[in-house]
């Protein structure tokens, strides 16, 4: 399995690397705009904590929390929760979910929505980003997955054509 870092921010594919670094830049700008200097932020699905470490640089007084059930240990410059119940113990000025909801089953997306609704402050904000999996951008994404990351083929040729050329949604892949 390829490390997430090599699939995204430090991908060998220059187009993938550029796209992910642009997403990080956009995320930084949005977070800087909406996170109060002493605010409380939850990054849902924080992975290795790269985003929260970046936020710590421009929001040193903020209370940063990452929810990530798949990684153990302390976060560097932020608190990490591995259980949703722990994340429910706070009230947030900002909740983010960058490139994570597309990996969840519908019932887990519902849990995210409920958690956010129950914990966001009245004047709080939610920022969600998901990858584009429709239109011509689908072709280089599939090529990148196949040949650079060595992923298993997830779509039939007809699904790829329907999604990339005719803008018809492809079924969601739930494999491992």
N, C-alpha and C. Protein backbone atom coordinates (compact mmCIF):
# COMPACT_ATOMS: atom_id res chain seq x y z
N UNK A 1 0.84 -1.19 0.00
CA UNK A 1 0.00 0.00 0.00
C UNK A 1 0.88 1.25 0.00
N UNK A 2 0.56 2.20 -0.84
CA UNK A 2 1.32 3.44 -0.94
C UNK A 2 0.88 4.39 0.16
N UNK A 3 1.84 5.02 0.82
CA UNK A 3 1.52 5.97 1.88
C UNK A 3 0.71 7.13 1.31
N UNK A 4 -0.22 7.63 2.11
CA UNK A 4 -1.09 8.72 1.68
C UNK A 4 -0.28 9.91 1.19
N UNK A 5 0.81 10.22 1.89
CA UNK A 5 1.67 11.33 1.51
C UNK A 5 2.16 11.19 0.07
N UNK A 6 2.50 9.97 -0.35
CA UNK A 6 3.01 9.73 -1.71
C UNK A 6 1.88 9.70 -2.74
N UNK A 7 0.64 9.59 -2.29
CA UNK A 7 -0.49 9.64 -3.20
C UNK A 7 -0.98 11.06 -3.42
N UNK A 8 -0.59 11.95 -2.54
CA UNK A 8 -1.15 13.30 -2.56
C UNK A 8 -0.06 14.36 -2.64
N UNK A 9 0.28 14.93 -1.52
CA UNK A 9 1.15 16.09 -1.44
C UNK A 9 2.53 15.86 -2.06
N UNK A 10 3.06 14.67 -1.91
CA UNK A 10 4.38 14.34 -2.46
C UNK A 10 4.29 13.26 -3.53
N UNK A 11 3.21 13.26 -4.29
CA UNK A 11 3.01 12.26 -5.34
C UNK A 11 4.10 12.38 -6.40
N UNK A 12 4.54 11.24 -6.95
CA UNK A 12 5.52 11.31 -8.03
C UNK A 12 4.95 11.92 -9.31
N UNK A 13 3.63 11.81 -9.49
CA UNK A 13 2.97 12.40 -10.65
C UNK A 13 2.88 13.92 -10.42
N UNK A 14 3.53 14.72 -11.27
CA UNK A 14 3.54 16.17 -11.04
C UNK A 14 2.15 16.80 -11.06
N UNK A 15 1.23 16.27 -11.87
CA UNK A 15 -0.13 16.83 -11.92
C UNK A 15 -0.87 16.54 -10.61
N UNK A 16 -0.74 15.32 -10.10
CA UNK A 16 -1.38 14.98 -8.82
C UNK A 16 -0.78 15.82 -7.70
N UNK A 17 0.53 15.94 -7.70
CA UNK A 17 1.22 16.73 -6.68
C UNK A 17 0.76 18.19 -6.72
N UNK A 18 0.70 18.77 -7.91
CA UNK A 18 0.24 20.15 -8.07
C UNK A 18 -1.20 20.31 -7.59
N UNK A 19 -2.07 19.39 -7.96
CA UNK A 19 -3.48 19.47 -7.56
C UNK A 19 -3.63 19.40 -6.04
N UNK A 20 -2.91 18.49 -5.41
CA UNK A 20 -3.04 18.36 -3.95
C UNK A 20 -2.43 19.55 -3.23
N UNK A 21 -1.34 20.06 -3.73
CA UNK A 21 -0.75 21.24 -3.09
C UNK A 21 -1.64 22.46 -3.26
N UNK A 22 -2.32 22.56 -4.39
CA UNK A 22 -3.28 23.65 -4.58
C UNK A 22 -4.44 23.51 -3.61
N UNK A 23 -4.90 22.27 -3.38
CA UNK A 23 -5.98 22.05 -2.41
C UNK A 23 -5.54 22.48 -1.01
N UNK A 24 -4.32 22.13 -0.64
CA UNK A 24 -3.81 22.55 0.67
C UNK A 24 -3.76 24.07 0.76
N UNK A 25 -3.33 24.73 -0.29
CA UNK A 25 -3.29 26.19 -0.28
C UNK A 25 -4.69 26.79 -0.12
N UNK A 26 -5.65 26.24 -0.85
CA UNK A 26 -7.04 26.71 -0.71
C UNK A 26 -7.56 26.46 0.69
N UNK A 27 -7.26 25.29 1.23
CA UNK A 27 -7.70 24.97 2.59
C UNK A 27 -7.09 25.94 3.59
N UNK A 28 -5.80 26.21 3.46
CA UNK A 28 -5.15 27.17 4.36
C UNK A 28 -5.85 28.52 4.33
N UNK A 29 -6.16 29.01 3.13
CA UNK A 29 -6.82 30.32 3.01
C UNK A 29 -8.21 30.31 3.66
N UNK A 30 -8.97 29.26 3.45
CA UNK A 30 -10.30 29.19 4.05
C UNK A 30 -10.24 29.09 5.57
N UNK A 31 -9.33 28.26 6.05
CA UNK A 31 -9.20 28.11 7.50
C UNK A 31 -8.75 29.43 8.12
N UNK A 32 -7.77 30.08 7.52
CA UNK A 32 -7.30 31.37 8.05
C UNK A 32 -8.43 32.40 8.07
N UNK A 33 -9.31 32.32 7.10
CA UNK A 33 -10.43 33.27 7.03
C UNK A 33 -11.48 33.00 8.11
N UNK A 34 -11.77 31.73 8.40
CA UNK A 34 -12.90 31.41 9.27
C UNK A 34 -12.55 30.95 10.67
N UNK A 35 -11.31 30.59 10.93
CA UNK A 35 -10.95 30.17 12.28
C UNK A 35 -10.53 31.39 13.10
N UNK A 36 -11.22 31.59 14.20
CA UNK A 36 -10.85 32.69 15.10
C UNK A 36 -9.47 32.41 15.68
N UNK A 37 -8.72 33.46 16.00
CA UNK A 37 -7.36 33.25 16.51
C UNK A 37 -7.29 32.30 17.71
N UNK A 38 -8.30 32.35 18.59
CA UNK A 38 -8.33 31.45 19.74
C UNK A 38 -9.47 30.43 19.61
N UNK A 39 -9.90 30.17 18.38
CA UNK A 39 -11.01 29.28 18.13
C UNK A 39 -10.68 27.80 18.31
N UNK A 40 -11.72 27.00 18.20
CA UNK A 40 -11.59 25.55 18.32
C UNK A 40 -11.94 24.93 16.97
N UNK A 41 -11.03 24.13 16.45
CA UNK A 41 -11.20 23.53 15.13
C UNK A 41 -11.13 22.01 15.22
N UNK A 42 -12.05 21.34 14.54
CA UNK A 42 -12.01 19.88 14.38
C UNK A 42 -11.74 19.57 12.92
N UNK A 43 -10.66 18.81 12.68
CA UNK A 43 -10.39 18.30 11.34
C UNK A 43 -10.82 16.84 11.35
N UNK A 44 -11.95 16.57 10.72
CA UNK A 44 -12.55 15.23 10.70
C UNK A 44 -11.83 14.39 9.66
N UNK A 45 -11.25 13.28 10.11
CA UNK A 45 -10.46 12.45 9.20
C UNK A 45 -9.11 13.08 8.95
N UNK A 46 -8.42 13.46 10.02
CA UNK A 46 -7.19 14.25 9.90
C UNK A 46 -5.99 13.47 9.39
N UNK A 47 -6.11 12.16 9.26
CA UNK A 47 -5.00 11.37 8.75
C UNK A 47 -3.76 11.54 9.59
N UNK A 48 -2.65 11.86 8.95
CA UNK A 48 -1.38 12.01 9.66
C UNK A 48 -1.22 13.38 10.31
N UNK A 49 -2.23 14.24 10.19
CA UNK A 49 -2.21 15.55 10.86
C UNK A 49 -1.52 16.65 10.11
N UNK A 50 -1.16 16.41 8.84
CA UNK A 50 -0.44 17.44 8.06
C UNK A 50 -1.20 18.77 8.07
N UNK A 51 -2.50 18.73 7.84
CA UNK A 51 -3.28 19.98 7.78
C UNK A 51 -3.23 20.71 9.12
N UNK A 52 -3.41 19.99 10.20
CA UNK A 52 -3.41 20.63 11.51
C UNK A 52 -2.04 21.20 11.86
N UNK A 53 -0.99 20.54 11.47
CA UNK A 53 0.36 21.09 11.70
C UNK A 53 0.55 22.38 10.91
N UNK A 54 -0.02 22.43 9.72
CA UNK A 54 0.06 23.66 8.91
C UNK A 54 -0.75 24.78 9.57
N UNK A 55 -1.94 24.45 10.07
CA UNK A 55 -2.78 25.45 10.72
C UNK A 55 -2.08 25.99 11.97
N UNK A 56 -1.40 25.13 12.69
CA UNK A 56 -0.70 25.56 13.91
C UNK A 56 0.28 26.70 13.59
N UNK A 57 0.85 26.72 12.41
CA UNK A 57 1.81 27.76 12.02
C UNK A 57 1.17 29.14 11.95
N UNK A 58 -0.10 29.23 11.48
CA UNK A 58 -0.72 30.55 11.36
C UNK A 58 -1.82 30.79 12.40
N UNK A 59 -2.10 29.79 13.24
CA UNK A 59 -3.09 29.95 14.32
C UNK A 59 -2.52 29.35 15.61
N UNK A 60 -1.46 29.96 16.14
CA UNK A 60 -0.77 29.36 17.28
C UNK A 60 -1.60 29.26 18.56
N UNK A 61 -2.64 30.11 18.71
CA UNK A 61 -3.45 30.08 19.93
C UNK A 61 -4.72 29.24 19.79
N UNK A 62 -4.99 28.73 18.61
CA UNK A 62 -6.21 27.94 18.39
C UNK A 62 -6.09 26.57 19.06
N UNK A 63 -7.24 26.04 19.44
CA UNK A 63 -7.33 24.68 19.98
C UNK A 63 -7.63 23.76 18.80
N UNK A 64 -6.64 23.01 18.35
CA UNK A 64 -6.78 22.18 17.16
C UNK A 64 -6.97 20.72 17.57
N UNK A 65 -8.00 20.12 16.96
CA UNK A 65 -8.34 18.73 17.27
C UNK A 65 -8.50 17.97 15.97
N UNK A 66 -7.91 16.80 15.94
CA UNK A 66 -8.06 15.91 14.80
C UNK A 66 -8.80 14.66 15.20
N UNK A 67 -9.80 14.30 14.41
CA UNK A 67 -10.49 13.02 14.63
C UNK A 67 -10.01 12.06 13.55
N UNK A 68 -9.40 10.98 13.97
CA UNK A 68 -8.90 9.98 13.03
C UNK A 68 -8.93 8.60 13.69
N UNK A 69 -9.94 7.81 13.35
CA UNK A 69 -10.05 6.50 14.00
C UNK A 69 -9.00 5.48 13.57
N UNK A 70 -8.30 5.73 12.47
CA UNK A 70 -7.37 4.74 11.95
C UNK A 70 -5.92 4.96 12.38
N UNK A 71 -5.64 6.02 13.11
CA UNK A 71 -4.27 6.29 13.56
C UNK A 71 -4.27 6.51 15.06
N UNK A 72 -3.30 5.93 15.70
CA UNK A 72 -3.15 6.05 17.15
C UNK A 72 -2.06 7.06 17.47
N UNK A 73 -1.98 7.42 18.72
CA UNK A 73 -0.90 8.28 19.19
C UNK A 73 -1.29 9.75 19.25
N UNK A 74 -0.40 10.50 19.85
CA UNK A 74 -0.63 11.93 20.02
C UNK A 74 -0.34 12.68 18.72
N UNK A 75 -1.07 13.77 18.54
CA UNK A 75 -0.80 14.63 17.41
C UNK A 75 0.29 15.63 17.75
N UNK A 76 1.00 16.08 16.76
CA UNK A 76 2.07 17.05 16.96
C UNK A 76 1.49 18.45 16.84
N UNK A 77 1.27 19.11 17.98
CA UNK A 77 0.71 20.45 17.98
C UNK A 77 -0.81 20.48 17.95
N UNK A 78 -1.43 19.34 18.12
CA UNK A 78 -2.90 19.25 18.16
C UNK A 78 -3.28 18.02 18.97
N UNK A 79 -4.55 17.99 19.41
CA UNK A 79 -5.08 16.81 20.10
C UNK A 79 -5.69 15.87 19.07
N UNK A 80 -5.47 14.57 19.24
CA UNK A 80 -6.04 13.59 18.31
C UNK A 80 -7.05 12.73 19.06
N UNK A 81 -8.24 12.61 18.48
CA UNK A 81 -9.26 11.71 19.02
C UNK A 81 -9.42 10.54 18.07
N UNK A 82 -9.50 9.35 18.63
CA UNK A 82 -9.73 8.16 17.81
C UNK A 82 -11.14 7.62 17.95
N UNK A 83 -11.91 8.19 18.88
CA UNK A 83 -13.30 7.78 19.09
C UNK A 83 -14.21 8.99 18.90
N UNK A 84 -15.28 8.78 18.17
CA UNK A 84 -16.21 9.88 17.90
C UNK A 84 -16.77 10.47 19.19
N UNK A 85 -16.97 9.64 20.20
CA UNK A 85 -17.51 10.14 21.48
C UNK A 85 -16.61 11.24 22.06
N UNK A 86 -15.29 11.08 21.91
CA UNK A 86 -14.37 12.11 22.41
C UNK A 86 -14.55 13.41 21.64
N UNK A 87 -14.74 13.33 20.33
CA UNK A 87 -14.95 14.53 19.52
C UNK A 87 -16.24 15.24 19.88
N UNK A 88 -17.22 14.48 20.41
CA UNK A 88 -18.49 15.09 20.81
C UNK A 88 -18.35 15.93 22.07
N UNK A 89 -17.25 15.81 22.78
CA UNK A 89 -17.07 16.53 24.03
C UNK A 89 -16.67 17.98 23.88
N UNK A 90 -16.59 18.47 22.66
CA UNK A 90 -16.18 19.86 22.42
C UNK A 90 -17.22 20.59 21.59
N UNK A 91 -17.11 21.92 21.60
CA UNK A 91 -17.91 22.77 20.72
C UNK A 91 -16.93 23.46 19.79
N UNK A 92 -17.25 23.45 18.49
CA UNK A 92 -16.28 23.89 17.48
C UNK A 92 -16.71 25.18 16.78
N UNK A 93 -15.71 26.01 16.54
CA UNK A 93 -15.90 27.19 15.70
C UNK A 93 -15.80 26.81 14.23
N UNK A 94 -15.01 25.77 13.96
CA UNK A 94 -14.77 25.34 12.58
C UNK A 94 -14.61 23.83 12.55
N UNK A 95 -15.34 23.19 11.63
CA UNK A 95 -15.18 21.76 11.37
C UNK A 95 -14.78 21.62 9.91
N UNK A 96 -13.72 20.85 9.68
CA UNK A 96 -13.28 20.61 8.31
C UNK A 96 -13.29 19.11 8.03
N UNK A 97 -13.51 18.79 6.76
CA UNK A 97 -13.43 17.40 6.28
C UNK A 97 -12.85 17.48 4.87
N UNK A 98 -11.53 17.37 4.79
CA UNK A 98 -10.86 17.50 3.50
C UNK A 98 -10.54 16.12 2.94
N UNK A 99 -11.14 15.84 1.78
CA UNK A 99 -10.83 14.61 1.06
C UNK A 99 -11.05 13.36 1.92
N UNK A 100 -12.16 13.35 2.67
CA UNK A 100 -12.42 12.19 3.52
C UNK A 100 -13.81 11.60 3.32
N UNK A 101 -14.81 12.43 3.08
CA UNK A 101 -16.19 11.92 3.03
C UNK A 101 -16.40 10.92 1.90
N UNK A 102 -15.62 11.03 0.82
CA UNK A 102 -15.78 10.10 -0.29
C UNK A 102 -15.34 8.69 0.08
N UNK A 103 -14.64 8.53 1.20
CA UNK A 103 -14.19 7.22 1.65
C UNK A 103 -15.19 6.56 2.60
N UNK A 104 -16.21 7.29 3.00
CA UNK A 104 -17.14 6.79 4.01
C UNK A 104 -18.38 6.17 3.37
N UNK A 105 -18.95 5.21 4.08
CA UNK A 105 -20.23 4.65 3.70
C UNK A 105 -21.32 5.66 4.03
N UNK A 106 -22.48 5.57 3.37
CA UNK A 106 -23.54 6.55 3.63
C UNK A 106 -23.90 6.71 5.10
N UNK A 107 -23.94 5.62 5.85
CA UNK A 107 -24.30 5.75 7.28
C UNK A 107 -23.21 6.49 8.06
N UNK A 108 -21.96 6.37 7.63
CA UNK A 108 -20.88 7.09 8.30
C UNK A 108 -20.89 8.58 7.93
N UNK A 109 -21.32 8.88 6.72
CA UNK A 109 -21.50 10.29 6.34
C UNK A 109 -22.60 10.90 7.21
N UNK A 110 -23.65 10.12 7.44
CA UNK A 110 -24.72 10.57 8.34
C UNK A 110 -24.21 10.85 9.74
N UNK A 111 -23.30 10.01 10.23
CA UNK A 111 -22.71 10.24 11.55
C UNK A 111 -21.90 11.54 11.56
N UNK A 112 -21.17 11.80 10.47
CA UNK A 112 -20.41 13.05 10.38
C UNK A 112 -21.35 14.25 10.45
N UNK A 113 -22.44 14.19 9.69
CA UNK A 113 -23.40 15.30 9.66
C UNK A 113 -23.99 15.51 11.05
N UNK A 114 -24.36 14.43 11.72
CA UNK A 114 -24.94 14.54 13.06
C UNK A 114 -23.92 15.10 14.05
N UNK A 115 -22.70 14.59 14.00
CA UNK A 115 -21.64 15.10 14.89
C UNK A 115 -21.45 16.59 14.67
N UNK A 116 -21.37 16.99 13.43
CA UNK A 116 -21.17 18.41 13.11
C UNK A 116 -22.34 19.25 13.60
N UNK A 117 -23.55 18.80 13.30
CA UNK A 117 -24.75 19.55 13.72
C UNK A 117 -24.80 19.69 15.24
N UNK A 118 -24.41 18.63 15.96
CA UNK A 118 -24.48 18.64 17.41
C UNK A 118 -23.37 19.43 18.09
N UNK A 119 -22.25 19.66 17.40
CA UNK A 119 -21.09 20.25 18.08
C UNK A 119 -20.66 21.61 17.53
N UNK A 120 -21.18 22.02 16.41
CA UNK A 120 -20.77 23.30 15.83
C UNK A 120 -21.43 24.45 16.60
N UNK A 121 -20.68 25.50 16.86
CA UNK A 121 -21.23 26.66 17.54
C UNK A 121 -22.19 27.38 16.60
N UNK A 122 -23.06 28.20 17.15
CA UNK A 122 -24.09 28.88 16.36
C UNK A 122 -23.48 29.71 15.24
N UNK A 123 -22.33 30.31 15.47
CA UNK A 123 -21.68 31.13 14.44
C UNK A 123 -20.53 30.38 13.76
N UNK A 124 -20.49 29.06 13.95
CA UNK A 124 -19.41 28.25 13.40
C UNK A 124 -19.55 28.00 11.91
N UNK A 125 -18.51 27.47 11.34
CA UNK A 125 -18.45 27.16 9.91
C UNK A 125 -18.03 25.71 9.70
N UNK A 126 -18.44 25.17 8.57
CA UNK A 126 -18.05 23.82 8.15
C UNK A 126 -17.47 23.94 6.75
N UNK A 127 -16.30 23.35 6.55
CA UNK A 127 -15.66 23.34 5.23
C UNK A 127 -15.45 21.89 4.83
N UNK A 128 -15.99 21.53 3.67
CA UNK A 128 -15.88 20.17 3.15
C UNK A 128 -15.29 20.23 1.76
N UNK A 129 -14.36 19.32 1.49
CA UNK A 129 -13.78 19.19 0.17
C UNK A 129 -13.77 17.72 -0.21
N UNK A 130 -14.23 17.43 -1.41
CA UNK A 130 -14.17 16.06 -1.95
C UNK A 130 -13.58 16.13 -3.35
N UNK A 131 -12.92 15.06 -3.78
CA UNK A 131 -12.31 15.10 -5.11
C UNK A 131 -13.35 15.08 -6.22
N UNK A 132 -12.97 15.61 -7.35
CA UNK A 132 -13.82 15.59 -8.53
C UNK A 132 -13.64 14.24 -9.21
N UNK A 133 -14.72 13.51 -9.35
CA UNK A 133 -14.65 12.21 -10.01
C UNK A 133 -15.63 12.16 -11.17
N UNK A 134 -15.70 13.28 -11.89
CA UNK A 134 -16.61 13.38 -13.02
C UNK A 134 -15.98 14.31 -14.04
N UNK A 135 -16.16 14.01 -15.29
CA UNK A 135 -15.63 14.85 -16.35
C UNK A 135 -14.23 14.41 -16.76
N UNK A 136 -13.60 15.18 -17.63
CA UNK A 136 -12.30 14.81 -18.19
C UNK A 136 -11.21 14.57 -17.15
N UNK A 137 -11.32 15.20 -15.97
CA UNK A 137 -10.32 15.01 -14.92
C UNK A 137 -10.27 13.56 -14.44
N UNK A 138 -11.33 12.81 -14.68
CA UNK A 138 -11.37 11.41 -14.26
C UNK A 138 -10.29 10.58 -14.97
N UNK A 139 -10.00 10.88 -16.22
CA UNK A 139 -9.03 10.08 -16.99
C UNK A 139 -7.62 10.14 -16.37
N UNK A 140 -7.05 11.35 -16.13
CA UNK A 140 -5.72 11.33 -15.50
C UNK A 140 -5.73 10.77 -14.08
N UNK A 141 -6.85 10.90 -13.37
CA UNK A 141 -6.92 10.32 -12.03
C UNK A 141 -6.83 8.80 -12.09
N UNK A 142 -7.54 8.21 -13.04
CA UNK A 142 -7.50 6.75 -13.18
C UNK A 142 -6.11 6.31 -13.64
N UNK A 143 -5.52 7.04 -14.58
CA UNK A 143 -4.17 6.70 -15.05
C UNK A 143 -3.19 6.78 -13.88
N UNK A 144 -3.29 7.83 -13.08
CA UNK A 144 -2.42 7.98 -11.92
C UNK A 144 -2.59 6.81 -10.96
N UNK A 145 -3.83 6.44 -10.69
CA UNK A 145 -4.09 5.33 -9.76
C UNK A 145 -3.55 4.02 -10.31
N UNK A 146 -3.75 3.79 -11.58
CA UNK A 146 -3.34 2.52 -12.20
C UNK A 146 -1.83 2.37 -12.31
N UNK A 147 -1.20 3.36 -12.88
CA UNK A 147 0.19 3.18 -13.27
C UNK A 147 1.21 3.73 -12.29
N UNK A 148 0.83 4.70 -11.50
CA UNK A 148 1.78 5.26 -10.55
C UNK A 148 1.57 4.67 -9.17
N UNK A 149 0.31 4.62 -8.72
CA UNK A 149 0.03 4.06 -7.40
C UNK A 149 -0.19 2.56 -7.44
N UNK A 150 -0.32 1.99 -8.62
CA UNK A 150 -0.50 0.53 -8.80
C UNK A 150 -1.78 0.03 -8.11
N UNK A 151 -2.84 0.85 -8.15
CA UNK A 151 -4.13 0.46 -7.56
C UNK A 151 -4.84 -0.53 -8.46
N UNK A 152 -5.74 -1.27 -7.86
CA UNK A 152 -6.58 -2.18 -8.64
C UNK A 152 -7.53 -1.36 -9.50
N UNK A 153 -7.88 -1.88 -10.67
CA UNK A 153 -8.83 -1.22 -11.57
C UNK A 153 -10.18 -1.18 -10.89
N UNK A 154 -10.78 0.00 -10.78
CA UNK A 154 -12.03 0.16 -10.04
C UNK A 154 -13.24 0.37 -10.93
N UNK A 155 -13.04 0.75 -12.19
CA UNK A 155 -14.16 1.08 -13.06
C UNK A 155 -14.02 0.32 -14.37
N UNK A 156 -15.16 -0.01 -14.95
CA UNK A 156 -15.12 -0.62 -16.28
C UNK A 156 -14.80 0.49 -17.29
N UNK A 157 -14.40 0.08 -18.48
CA UNK A 157 -14.11 1.06 -19.52
C UNK A 157 -15.35 1.90 -19.83
N UNK A 158 -16.52 1.25 -19.88
CA UNK A 158 -17.75 2.01 -20.18
C UNK A 158 -18.08 3.00 -19.06
N UNK A 159 -17.81 2.64 -17.81
CA UNK A 159 -18.04 3.58 -16.71
C UNK A 159 -17.10 4.78 -16.83
N UNK A 160 -15.87 4.51 -17.19
CA UNK A 160 -14.89 5.58 -17.36
C UNK A 160 -15.33 6.54 -18.47
N UNK A 161 -15.77 6.00 -19.59
CA UNK A 161 -16.24 6.84 -20.71
C UNK A 161 -17.48 7.63 -20.30
N UNK A 162 -18.44 6.95 -19.65
CA UNK A 162 -19.66 7.66 -19.21
C UNK A 162 -19.33 8.80 -18.26
N UNK A 163 -18.41 8.56 -17.31
CA UNK A 163 -18.07 9.58 -16.33
C UNK A 163 -17.21 10.70 -16.90
N UNK A 164 -16.23 10.34 -17.74
CA UNK A 164 -15.28 11.33 -18.24
C UNK A 164 -15.83 12.15 -19.39
N UNK A 165 -16.59 11.52 -20.26
CA UNK A 165 -17.04 12.21 -21.48
C UNK A 165 -18.49 12.67 -21.39
N UNK A 166 -19.36 11.78 -20.89
CA UNK A 166 -20.79 12.10 -20.87
C UNK A 166 -21.27 12.64 -19.52
N UNK A 167 -20.35 12.81 -18.57
CA UNK A 167 -20.65 13.39 -17.25
C UNK A 167 -21.74 12.63 -16.50
N UNK A 168 -21.76 11.33 -16.66
CA UNK A 168 -22.71 10.48 -15.94
C UNK A 168 -21.99 9.91 -14.72
N UNK A 169 -22.58 10.04 -13.54
CA UNK A 169 -21.91 9.53 -12.33
C UNK A 169 -21.61 8.04 -12.45
N UNK A 170 -20.43 7.68 -11.96
CA UNK A 170 -20.05 6.27 -11.92
C UNK A 170 -20.41 5.72 -10.54
N UNK A 171 -20.69 4.44 -10.45
CA UNK A 171 -21.03 3.88 -9.13
C UNK A 171 -19.86 4.03 -8.17
N UNK A 172 -20.18 4.18 -6.94
CA UNK A 172 -19.15 4.35 -5.93
C UNK A 172 -18.47 3.02 -5.67
N UNK A 173 -17.16 3.02 -5.64
CA UNK A 173 -16.39 1.80 -5.42
C UNK A 173 -16.22 1.59 -3.92
N UNK A 174 -16.57 0.41 -3.43
CA UNK A 174 -16.48 0.11 -2.00
C UNK A 174 -15.50 -1.00 -1.70
N UNK A 175 -14.55 -1.22 -2.58
CA UNK A 175 -13.56 -2.28 -2.36
C UNK A 175 -12.50 -1.84 -1.39
N UNK A 176 -11.53 -2.71 -1.17
CA UNK A 176 -10.45 -2.39 -0.23
C UNK A 176 -9.28 -1.76 -0.94
